[in-house]
Amino acid sequence: MLRCIPFRNLFERTFTVIFKRFSKEWSLHLLLVPGVLFAIVFSYIPMTGILIAFERFIPTRGIFGSPWVGWDNFRFMFANPDIKRILMNTVYIASMKIVGGLLVPITIAILLNEVRKEVFKRTVQTLVYLPHFLSWVLLGGILIDLLSPSTGMVNQLIAWLGFEPIFFLGSNTWFPITIVISDIWKEFGFSTIVYLAALTGINPSLYEAAVMDGANRWKQTWHITLPGMMPIIVLMMTLSIGNILNAGFEQIFNLYSAPVYESGDIIDTFVYRMGFEQVQYGLATAVGLLKSVISFILISLSYMMAYRFAGYRIF
């Protein structure tokens, strides 16, 4: 028969184990205090602002003094004809960034892995990595100058080739493409490092055996390199699902204008305009809350898929 352990004894044993462990690791717990306080002050306390989504917010009355309107802001949001277009723009731009952000770094990593001159390899790796550290405020100004329809270097080259200049940042056709390509150019160097690290884990003897069997470089890449990179590719792909509604506020805010709202307006820029320009704080908060809920679901799903297909765990 199983002997029942009194609740008091069980509590005392559990407390003793926790106390002994804490006494050994107290310095590590102490290191966590600044991070925990930072998260509480800047992440959890501001979450009380969610109440604005259910209010007709009046700044002079504050969050707790504004009149309660319930779900009216959400009803108005879904009745707004612009919401569907904004959601489609966000998903389209974010999806293209995710796809390009996977294909380009993988390709560059494989090409750099084939380079035998270490000096050239490290130089290229450094050059493609540098744009990651530049803000979109700086890059936005550079792109506006380069892509200017009259004086921009790109359009001057297009005109020299005999074609009509393209208004990249003022055309609803070209603006999303410009956003995606410029974002990939800025960030692919950082992702390339991840895939280069994955390549170092592939056993060199596999390539030696492939050469003995007569496999050329293309077959070695297809049958050895790509399968060896597949776990990290699956991991990065599944984790990126959580960013499907993050199309890049800073980038688009610095590059878009009223003529391209139709194709370039995303959730974050819409929230900014509604909140700061049109002073519709309740509607802006409702849209932001909807995005946060959907993003939370997608992030949870992405981590479940990462654990299922790549064995990735966050603890």
Protein backbone atom coordinates (compact mmCIF):
# COMPACT_ATOMS: atom_id res chain seq x y z
CA MET A 1 0.00 0.00 0.00
CA LEU A 2 1.09 3.53 -0.71
CA ARG A 3 1.85 5.55 2.36
CA CYS A 4 0.24 8.97 2.39
CA ILE A 5 2.60 11.85 3.07
CA PRO A 6 1.08 14.56 5.26
CA PHE A 7 0.61 17.85 3.45
CA ARG A 8 2.67 19.70 6.05
CA ASN A 9 5.66 17.38 5.58
CA LEU A 10 5.39 17.67 1.81
CA PHE A 11 5.32 21.47 2.05
CA GLU A 12 8.33 21.50 4.38
CA ARG A 13 10.36 19.24 2.09
CA THR A 14 9.48 21.32 -0.97
CA PHE A 15 10.38 24.56 0.82
CA THR A 16 13.68 23.04 2.01
CA VAL A 17 14.65 21.99 -1.52
CA ILE A 18 13.77 25.41 -2.95
CA PHE A 19 15.64 27.23 -0.17
CA LYS A 20 18.78 25.09 -0.63
CA ARG A 21 18.75 25.64 -4.36
CA PHE A 22 18.17 29.38 -3.99
CA SER A 23 20.99 29.67 -1.44
CA LYS A 24 23.37 28.15 -4.01
CA GLU A 25 22.12 30.21 -6.96
CA TRP A 26 21.17 33.50 -5.30
CA SER A 27 23.74 35.44 -7.32
CA LEU A 28 22.15 34.24 -10.57
CA HIS A 29 18.71 35.28 -9.34
CA LEU A 30 20.15 38.66 -8.39
CA LEU A 31 21.30 39.16 -11.97
CA LEU A 32 17.72 38.70 -13.12
CA VAL A 33 16.35 41.50 -10.94
CA PRO A 34 17.15 44.43 -13.33
CA GLY A 35 15.65 42.57 -16.29
CA VAL A 36 12.53 41.61 -14.35
CA LEU A 37 12.04 45.18 -13.10
CA PHE A 38 12.55 46.52 -16.62
CA ALA A 39 9.91 44.13 -17.98
CA ILE A 40 7.43 45.03 -15.22
CA VAL A 41 7.85 48.78 -15.62
CA PHE A 42 7.97 48.99 -19.42
CA SER A 43 5.94 45.92 -20.49
CA TYR A 44 3.39 44.89 -17.88
CA ILE A 45 2.36 48.16 -16.21
CA PRO A 46 1.67 49.87 -19.59
CA MET A 47 -0.70 47.01 -20.43
CA THR A 48 -3.34 48.84 -18.39
CA GLY A 49 -3.64 51.03 -21.49
CA ILE A 50 -5.60 48.18 -23.10
CA LEU A 51 -8.64 49.67 -21.34
CA ILE A 52 -8.55 52.54 -23.86
CA ALA A 53 -9.79 50.10 -26.52
CA PHE A 54 -13.09 49.88 -24.63
CA GLU A 55 -13.43 53.59 -23.88
CA ARG A 56 -14.07 56.91 -25.57
CA PHE A 57 -10.73 58.07 -24.32
CA ILE A 58 -10.46 61.68 -23.19
CA PRO A 59 -6.84 62.62 -22.33
CA THR A 60 -7.87 65.12 -19.65
CA ARG A 61 -9.84 62.44 -17.78
CA GLY A 62 -7.25 59.70 -18.09
CA ILE A 63 -7.71 55.95 -18.52
CA PHE A 64 -9.89 55.43 -15.45
CA GLY A 65 -12.02 58.53 -15.93
CA SER A 66 -12.99 58.22 -19.60
CA PRO A 67 -16.50 56.98 -20.49
CA TRP A 68 -16.84 53.24 -21.12
CA VAL A 69 -18.17 52.27 -24.58
CA GLY A 70 -17.62 48.50 -24.53
CA TRP A 71 -17.14 46.96 -27.97
CA ASP A 72 -18.07 50.08 -29.95
CA ASN A 73 -14.50 50.73 -31.07
CA PHE A 74 -14.20 47.17 -32.38
CA ARG A 75 -17.53 47.42 -34.23
CA PHE A 76 -16.43 50.68 -35.80
CA MET A 77 -13.08 49.10 -36.70
CA PHE A 78 -14.62 46.17 -38.57
CA ALA A 79 -17.11 48.50 -40.26
CA ASN A 80 -14.24 50.66 -41.55
CA PRO A 81 -13.70 49.82 -45.25
CA ASP A 82 -9.96 50.49 -44.92
CA ILE A 83 -9.36 47.69 -42.39
CA LYS A 84 -9.51 44.86 -44.95
CA ARG A 85 -7.06 46.67 -47.24
CA ILE A 86 -4.70 47.41 -44.37
CA LEU A 87 -4.72 43.79 -43.20
CA MET A 88 -4.06 42.57 -46.75
CA ASN A 89 -1.17 45.02 -47.16
CA THR A 90 0.33 43.93 -43.84
CA VAL A 91 0.11 40.21 -44.58
CA TYR A 92 1.37 40.64 -48.17
CA ILE A 93 4.40 42.77 -47.29
CA ALA A 94 5.29 40.69 -44.21
CA SER A 95 4.93 37.40 -46.13
CA MET A 96 7.18 38.60 -48.95
CA LYS A 97 9.76 39.73 -46.38
CA ILE A 98 9.66 36.33 -44.68
CA VAL A 99 10.04 34.40 -47.96
CA GLY A 100 12.83 36.65 -49.22
CA GLY A 101 14.43 36.69 -45.79
CA LEU A 102 14.75 32.90 -46.01
CA LEU A 103 15.75 32.36 -49.64
CA VAL A 104 18.36 35.11 -50.00
CA PRO A 105 20.41 34.34 -46.85
CA ILE A 106 20.37 30.61 -47.59
CA THR A 107 21.62 31.24 -51.13
CA ILE A 108 24.33 33.67 -50.01
CA ALA A 109 25.46 31.34 -47.22
CA ILE A 110 25.83 28.43 -49.66
CA LEU A 111 27.75 30.61 -52.13
CA LEU A 112 30.07 31.95 -49.42
CA ASN A 113 30.65 28.41 -48.20
CA GLU A 114 32.05 27.56 -51.63
CA VAL A 115 34.60 30.39 -51.49
CA ARG A 116 38.09 29.16 -50.64
CA LYS A 117 39.77 32.57 -50.23
CA GLU A 118 39.20 33.31 -46.53
CA VAL A 119 40.07 37.01 -46.88
CA PHE A 120 37.49 37.52 -49.65
CA LYS A 121 34.91 35.44 -47.77
CA ARG A 122 35.27 37.42 -44.53
CA THR A 123 35.25 40.74 -46.40
CA VAL A 124 32.00 39.94 -48.21
CA GLN A 125 30.45 38.62 -45.00
CA THR A 126 31.31 41.86 -43.19
CA LEU A 127 30.04 44.10 -45.99
CA VAL A 128 26.64 42.40 -46.24
CA TYR A 129 26.33 42.43 -42.44
CA LEU A 130 26.94 46.18 -41.97
CA PRO A 131 23.51 47.47 -43.18
CA HIS A 132 21.87 45.60 -40.30
CA PHE A 133 23.28 48.19 -37.88
CA LEU A 134 21.91 51.21 -39.77
CA SER A 135 18.54 52.67 -38.78
CA TRP A 136 15.74 53.19 -41.26
CA VAL A 137 15.89 56.92 -40.57
CA LEU A 138 19.32 57.00 -42.22
CA LEU A 139 18.58 54.38 -44.88
CA GLY A 140 15.25 56.04 -45.68
CA GLY A 141 17.01 59.26 -46.62
CA ILE A 142 19.53 57.35 -48.74
CA LEU A 143 16.79 55.44 -50.58
CA ILE A 144 14.77 58.60 -51.21
CA ASP A 145 17.82 60.17 -52.88
CA LEU A 146 18.75 57.05 -54.86
CA LEU A 147 15.20 56.37 -56.08
CA SER A 148 14.19 59.95 -56.87
CA PRO A 149 12.37 59.98 -60.25
CA SER A 150 14.32 62.98 -61.51
CA THR A 151 17.74 63.06 -59.86
CA GLY A 152 18.07 59.56 -58.41
CA MET A 153 20.98 57.42 -59.53
CA VAL A 154 18.73 54.41 -60.21
CA ASN A 155 16.34 56.31 -62.49
CA GLN A 156 19.22 57.98 -64.27
CA LEU A 157 20.55 54.52 -65.10
CA ILE A 158 17.09 53.42 -66.25
CA ALA A 159 16.79 56.49 -68.48
CA TRP A 160 20.29 55.88 -69.89
CA LEU A 161 19.16 52.37 -70.87
CA GLY A 162 16.25 53.89 -72.79
CA PHE A 163 13.37 53.21 -70.40
CA GLU A 164 10.94 55.52 -68.65
CA PRO A 165 11.88 56.52 -65.07
CA ILE A 166 9.98 54.74 -62.30
CA PHE A 167 8.51 56.51 -59.28
CA PHE A 168 9.46 53.71 -56.85
CA LEU A 169 8.20 55.45 -53.69
CA GLY A 170 5.12 57.04 -55.26
CA SER A 171 3.66 54.17 -57.26
CA ASN A 172 1.25 51.69 -55.68
CA THR A 173 2.67 49.03 -57.99
CA TRP A 174 6.34 49.56 -57.12
CA PHE A 175 6.17 50.69 -53.50
CA PRO A 176 5.58 47.23 -51.88
CA ILE A 177 8.29 45.74 -54.08
CA THR A 178 10.71 48.48 -53.06
CA ILE A 179 9.87 47.94 -49.38
CA VAL A 180 10.47 44.18 -49.57
CA ILE A 181 13.72 44.39 -51.57
CA SER A 182 15.22 47.13 -49.39
CA ASP A 183 14.35 45.23 -46.20
CA ILE A 184 15.91 42.03 -47.53
CA TRP A 185 19.04 43.95 -48.53
CA LYS A 186 19.31 45.41 -45.03
CA GLU A 187 18.74 42.20 -43.03
CA PHE A 188 19.98 39.26 -45.11
CA GLY A 189 23.56 39.67 -43.88
CA PHE A 190 22.51 39.02 -40.28
CA SER A 191 20.57 35.87 -41.23
CA THR A 192 23.45 34.66 -43.40
CA ILE A 193 25.58 34.27 -40.25
CA VAL A 194 23.02 31.83 -38.82
CA TYR A 195 23.10 29.65 -41.90
CA LEU A 196 26.89 29.80 -42.16
CA ALA A 197 27.02 28.52 -38.59
CA ALA A 198 24.70 25.67 -39.60
CA LEU A 199 27.04 24.79 -42.47
CA THR A 200 29.96 24.32 -40.07
CA GLY A 201 28.06 21.47 -38.43
CA ILE A 202 28.02 19.35 -41.59
CA ASN A 203 30.54 16.49 -41.50
CA PRO A 204 33.27 17.13 -44.15
CA SER A 205 33.59 13.38 -44.70
CA LEU A 206 30.19 13.45 -46.41
CA TYR A 207 31.62 15.72 -49.13
CA GLU A 208 34.68 13.49 -49.46
CA ALA A 209 32.48 10.45 -49.93
CA ALA A 210 30.38 12.33 -52.49
CA VAL A 211 33.51 13.26 -54.48
CA MET A 212 34.59 9.62 -54.46
CA ASP A 213 31.18 8.71 -55.89
CA GLY A 214 31.59 11.28 -58.66
CA ALA A 215 29.14 13.92 -57.39
CA ASN A 216 29.72 17.43 -58.73
CA ARG A 217 29.32 20.63 -56.67
CA TRP A 218 25.65 21.01 -57.56
CA LYS A 219 24.81 17.47 -56.44
CA GLN A 220 26.83 17.92 -53.25
CA THR A 221 24.86 21.08 -52.49
CA TRP A 222 21.51 19.45 -53.26
CA HIS A 223 22.08 16.16 -51.43
CA ILE A 224 24.42 17.17 -48.58
CA THR A 225 24.43 20.92 -47.92
CA LEU A 226 20.70 21.60 -48.06
CA PRO A 227 19.70 18.51 -46.02
CA GLY A 228 22.34 19.45 -43.45
CA MET A 229 20.87 22.95 -43.19
CA MET A 230 17.26 21.76 -43.11
CA PRO A 231 16.81 21.71 -39.29
CA ILE A 232 17.82 25.38 -38.93
CA ILE A 233 15.82 26.31 -42.06
CA VAL A 234 12.69 24.70 -40.61
CA LEU A 235 13.32 26.37 -37.27
CA MET A 236 13.75 29.86 -38.78
CA MET A 237 10.74 29.37 -41.04
CA THR A 238 8.41 28.29 -38.25
CA LEU A 239 9.57 31.02 -35.87
CA SER A 240 8.99 33.65 -38.57
CA ILE A 241 5.27 32.82 -38.64
CA GLY A 242 4.84 34.95 -35.53
CA ASN A 243 5.96 38.02 -37.52
CA ILE A 244 3.29 37.70 -40.20
CA LEU A 245 1.62 40.92 -38.94
CA ASN A 246 4.89 42.84 -38.46
CA ALA A 247 5.55 44.45 -41.81
CA GLY A 248 8.05 46.98 -40.45
CA PHE A 249 6.66 50.24 -39.08
CA GLU A 250 9.94 52.17 -38.98
CA GLN A 251 10.81 51.37 -42.58
CA ILE A 252 7.40 52.15 -44.08
CA PHE A 253 6.87 55.23 -41.91
CA ASN A 254 10.10 56.75 -43.25
CA LEU A 255 9.36 55.90 -46.89
CA TYR A 256 5.62 56.07 -47.50
CA SER A 257 3.37 59.02 -48.35
CA ALA A 258 -0.32 59.68 -49.01
CA PRO A 259 -0.24 58.53 -52.69
CA VAL A 260 0.83 55.00 -51.65
CA TYR A 261 -1.54 54.49 -48.72
CA GLU A 262 -3.49 52.07 -50.91
CA SER A 263 -0.60 49.60 -51.17
CA GLY A 264 1.74 50.63 -48.36
CA ASP A 265 -0.48 51.39 -45.38
CA ILE A 266 -0.11 48.67 -42.73
CA ILE A 267 -1.59 48.09 -39.28
CA ASP A 268 1.16 49.94 -37.41
CA THR A 269 1.07 53.05 -39.63
CA PHE A 270 -2.74 53.06 -39.49
CA VAL A 271 -2.63 52.95 -35.68
CA TYR A 272 -0.12 55.82 -35.67
CA ARG A 273 -2.31 58.01 -37.90
CA MET A 274 -5.51 57.23 -36.01
CA GLY A 275 -3.91 57.82 -32.62
CA PHE A 276 -1.53 60.74 -33.08
CA GLU A 277 -2.86 62.53 -36.14
CA GLN A 278 -6.64 62.03 -35.88
CA VAL A 279 -6.74 61.68 -32.06
CA GLN A 280 -8.92 58.53 -32.19
CA TYR A 281 -7.15 56.81 -29.32
CA GLY A 282 -9.87 54.22 -28.69
CA LEU A 283 -9.95 53.03 -32.30
CA ALA A 284 -6.15 52.99 -32.55
CA THR A 285 -5.88 50.93 -29.35
CA ALA A 286 -8.57 48.52 -30.55
CA VAL A 287 -6.67 47.89 -33.80
CA GLY A 288 -3.41 47.44 -31.91
CA LEU A 289 -5.06 45.05 -29.44
CA LEU A 290 -6.48 42.96 -32.29
CA LYS A 291 -3.02 42.74 -33.82
CA SER A 292 -1.49 41.75 -30.48
CA VAL A 293 -4.02 38.95 -29.93
CA ILE A 294 -3.52 37.53 -33.44
CA SER A 295 0.28 37.84 -33.09
CA PHE A 296 0.18 36.03 -29.74
CA ILE A 297 -1.75 33.15 -31.32
CA LEU A 298 0.65 32.98 -34.28
CA ILE A 299 3.74 33.14 -32.05
CA SER A 300 2.37 30.32 -29.86
CA LEU A 301 1.64 28.30 -32.99
CA SER A 302 5.11 28.96 -34.39
CA TYR A 303 6.81 27.75 -31.19
CA MET A 304 4.64 24.62 -31.19
CA MET A 305 5.63 23.95 -34.80
CA ALA A 306 9.30 24.67 -34.05
CA TYR A 307 9.19 22.12 -31.23
CA ARG A 308 7.29 19.62 -33.39
CA PHE A 309 9.44 19.82 -36.53
CA ALA A 310 12.84 21.12 -35.30
CA GLY A 311 12.99 20.07 -31.67
CA TYR A 312 13.31 23.71 -30.56
CA ARG A 313 12.41 24.49 -26.94
CA ILE A 314 12.49 27.86 -25.15
CA PHE A 315 13.39 26.35 -21.76
